[in-house]
Amino acid sequence: MGEMVIIAMTVVAIVLIAGMSLNGIVDKVMLAKRMRYEPKDSRQGSDVREIAERQHMIEDRLRVLERIATDRGSLLADEIDALRRDTVALSPLQRQIEGAEQ
């Protein structure tokens, strides 16, 4: 009877050790999967937003330049003057972006 208790305790100990080891392995795998799908840097969102704003500003400028290039009327000088006035009234972010472009 004493041998049966020792064998049962050994089996329980082996099962506990194997279960804890398996739990550690599963935790590491799950952590690796979570880390793969989480953003690596919180600045990513702000960088994307800045790029989208810059792209929008460049598209607006391109539309204006296309309109100026295709306009054959006498309003061309007036539109150029209006653009110069708009450039003076640029926001600080747009000035910073323009400075980086040049």
C-alpha atoms as a PDB file:
ATOM      1  CA  MET A   1       0.000   0.000   0.000  1.00  0.00           C
ATOM      2  CA  GLY A   2       2.872   2.375   0.773  1.00  0.00           C
ATOM      3  CA  GLU A   3       4.356   1.834  -2.669  1.00  0.00           C
ATOM      4  CA  MET A   4       1.067   2.778  -4.343  1.00  0.00           C
ATOM      5  CA  VAL A   5       1.032   6.124  -2.496  1.00  0.00           C
ATOM      6  CA  ILE A   6       4.605   6.873  -3.589  1.00  0.00           C
ATOM      7  CA  ILE A   7       3.784   6.003  -7.208  1.00  0.00           C
ATOM      8  CA  ALA A   8       0.623   8.161  -7.121  1.00  0.00           C
ATOM      9  CA  MET A   9       2.539  11.112  -5.624  1.00  0.00           C
ATOM     10  CA  THR A  10       5.244  10.739  -8.303  1.00  0.00           C
ATOM     11  CA  VAL A  11       2.648  10.694 -11.073  1.00  0.00           C
ATOM     12  CA  VAL A  12       0.951  13.802  -9.621  1.00  0.00           C
ATOM     13  CA  ALA A  13       4.314  15.584  -9.353  1.00  0.00           C
ATOM     14  CA  ILE A  14       5.197  14.731 -12.978  1.00  0.00           C
ATOM     15  CA  VAL A  15       1.791  15.937 -14.211  1.00  0.00           C
ATOM     16  CA  LEU A  16       2.127  19.219 -12.273  1.00  0.00           C
ATOM     17  CA  ILE A  17       5.638  19.881 -13.609  1.00  0.00           C
ATOM     18  CA  ALA A  18       4.576  19.087 -17.187  1.00  0.00           C
ATOM     19  CA  GLY A  19       1.468  21.288 -16.856  1.00  0.00           C
ATOM     20  CA  MET A  20       3.434  24.261 -15.535  1.00  0.00           C
ATOM     21  CA  SER A  21       6.018  23.895 -18.294  1.00  0.00           C
ATOM     22  CA  LEU A  22       3.331  23.685 -20.948  1.00  0.00           C
ATOM     23  CA  ASN A  23       1.577  26.733 -19.467  1.00  0.00           C
ATOM     24  CA  GLY A  24       4.825  28.759 -19.662  1.00  0.00           C
ATOM     25  CA  ILE A  25       5.346  27.786 -23.290  1.00  0.00           C
ATOM     26  CA  VAL A  26       1.770  28.692 -24.237  1.00  0.00           C
ATOM     27  CA  ASP A  27       2.071  32.059 -22.456  1.00  0.00           C
ATOM     28  CA  LYS A  28       5.237  32.915 -24.403  1.00  0.00           C
ATOM     29  CA  VAL A  29       3.636  31.952 -27.724  1.00  0.00           C
ATOM     30  CA  MET A  30       0.542  34.045 -26.982  1.00  0.00           C
ATOM     31  CA  LEU A  31       2.685  37.033 -25.932  1.00  0.00           C
ATOM     32  CA  ALA A  32       4.656  36.782 -29.179  1.00  0.00           C
ATOM     33  CA  LYS A  33       1.424  36.739 -31.200  1.00  0.00           C
ATOM     34  CA  ARG A  34       0.086  39.779 -29.337  1.00  0.00           C
ATOM     35  CA  MET A  35       3.331  41.682 -29.845  1.00  0.00           C
ATOM     36  CA  ARG A  36       3.218  40.955 -33.572  1.00  0.00           C
ATOM     37  CA  TYR A  37      -0.140  42.681 -34.019  1.00  0.00           C
ATOM     38  CA  GLU A  38       0.337  45.638 -31.655  1.00  0.00           C
ATOM     39  CA  PRO A  39       1.782  48.873 -33.059  1.00  0.00           C
ATOM     40  CA  LYS A  40       5.469  49.135 -32.288  1.00  0.00           C
ATOM     41  CA  ASP A  41       5.410  52.875 -31.740  1.00  0.00           C
ATOM     42  CA  SER A  42       2.657  55.216 -30.626  1.00  0.00           C
ATOM     43  CA  ARG A  43       3.996  57.804 -33.092  1.00  0.00           C
ATOM     44  CA  GLN A  44       2.812  55.732 -36.048  1.00  0.00           C
ATOM     45  CA  GLY A  45      -0.670  57.224 -35.895  1.00  0.00           C
ATOM     46  CA  SER A  46       0.614  60.788 -35.738  1.00  0.00           C
ATOM     47  CA  ASP A  47       3.058  60.136 -38.594  1.00  0.00           C
ATOM     48  CA  VAL A  48       0.250  58.795 -40.760  1.00  0.00           C
ATOM     49  CA  ARG A  49      -1.880  61.836 -39.909  1.00  0.00           C
ATOM     50  CA  GLU A  50       0.964  64.229 -40.826  1.00  0.00           C
ATOM     51  CA  ILE A  51       1.556  62.430 -44.119  1.00  0.00           C
ATOM     52  CA  ALA A  52      -2.161  62.575 -44.947  1.00  0.00           C
ATOM     53  CA  GLU A  53      -2.276  66.322 -44.207  1.00  0.00           C
ATOM     54  CA  ARG A  54       0.798  66.909 -46.328  1.00  0.00           C
ATOM     55  CA  GLN A  55      -0.625  64.855 -49.196  1.00  0.00           C
ATOM     56  CA  HIS A  56      -3.894  66.801 -49.031  1.00  0.00           C
ATOM     57  CA  MET A  57      -2.012  70.114 -49.126  1.00  0.00           C
ATOM     58  CA  ILE A  58       0.084  68.962 -52.106  1.00  0.00           C
ATOM     59  CA  GLU A  59      -3.020  67.799 -53.977  1.00  0.00           C
ATOM     60  CA  ASP A  60      -4.653  71.200 -53.399  1.00  0.00           C
ATOM     61  CA  ARG A  61      -1.572  72.955 -54.736  1.00  0.00           C
ATOM     62  CA  LEU A  62      -1.484  70.670 -57.765  1.00  0.00           C
ATOM     63  CA  ARG A  63      -5.139  71.464 -58.559  1.00  0.00           C
ATOM     64  CA  VAL A  64      -4.391  75.184 -58.376  1.00  0.00           C
ATOM     65  CA  LEU A  65      -1.320  74.846 -60.579  1.00  0.00           C
ATOM     66  CA  GLU A  66      -3.256  72.806 -63.124  1.00  0.00           C
ATOM     67  CA  ARG A  67      -5.979  75.431 -63.194  1.00  0.00           C
ATOM     68  CA  ILE A  68      -3.403  78.213 -63.625  1.00  0.00           C
ATOM     69  CA  ALA A  69      -1.562  76.327 -66.356  1.00  0.00           C
ATOM     70  CA  THR A  70      -4.733  75.687 -68.356  1.00  0.00           C
ATOM     71  CA  ASP A  71      -6.255  79.147 -67.799  1.00  0.00           C
ATOM     72  CA  ARG A  72      -5.676  81.384 -70.818  1.00  0.00           C
ATOM     73  CA  GLY A  73      -7.731  84.304 -69.542  1.00  0.00           C
ATOM     74  CA  SER A  74      -6.626  87.625 -68.108  1.00  0.00           C
ATOM     75  CA  LEU A  75      -7.362  86.459 -64.568  1.00  0.00           C
ATOM     76  CA  LEU A  76      -4.038  84.672 -64.332  1.00  0.00           C
ATOM     77  CA  ALA A  77      -2.231  87.589 -62.673  1.00  0.00           C
ATOM     78  CA  ASP A  78      -5.093  87.998 -60.186  1.00  0.00           C
ATOM     79  CA  GLU A  79      -4.940  84.310 -59.245  1.00  0.00           C
ATOM     80  CA  ILE A  80      -1.164  84.462 -58.776  1.00  0.00           C
ATOM     81  CA  ASP A  81      -1.562  87.466 -56.478  1.00  0.00           C
ATOM     82  CA  ALA A  82      -4.266  85.622 -54.530  1.00  0.00           C
ATOM     83  CA  LEU A  83      -1.952  82.658 -54.108  1.00  0.00           C
ATOM     84  CA  ARG A  84       0.798  84.930 -52.824  1.00  0.00           C
ATOM     85  CA  ARG A  85      -1.613  86.360 -50.248  1.00  0.00           C
ATOM     86  CA  ASP A  86      -2.640  82.827 -49.231  1.00  0.00           C
ATOM     87  CA  THR A  87       1.000  81.851 -48.785  1.00  0.00           C
ATOM     88  CA  VAL A  88       1.484  84.670 -46.298  1.00  0.00           C
ATOM     89  CA  ALA A  89      -1.482  83.391 -44.287  1.00  0.00           C
ATOM     90  CA  LEU A  90      -0.240  79.797 -44.056  1.00  0.00           C
ATOM     91  CA  SER A  91      -0.554  77.971 -40.774  1.00  0.00           C
ATOM     92  CA  PRO A  92       2.641  77.151 -38.831  1.00  0.00           C
ATOM     93  CA  LEU A  93       2.334  73.457 -39.748  1.00  0.00           C
ATOM     94  CA  GLN A  94       2.195  74.260 -43.451  1.00  0.00           C
ATOM     95  CA  ARG A  95       5.213  76.578 -43.108  1.00  0.00           C
ATOM     96  CA  GLN A  96       7.110  73.792 -41.395  1.00  0.00           C
ATOM     97  CA  ILE A  97       6.191  71.342 -44.172  1.00  0.00           C
ATOM     98  CA  GLU A  98       7.188  73.835 -46.851  1.00  0.00           C
ATOM     99  CA  GLY A  99      10.502  74.425 -45.116  1.00  0.00           C
ATOM    100  CA  ALA A 100      11.174  70.687 -45.105  1.00  0.00           C
ATOM    101  CA  GLU A 101      10.406  70.429 -48.829  1.00  0.00           C
ATOM    102  CA  GLN A 102      12.991  73.038 -49.781  1.00  0.00           C
END
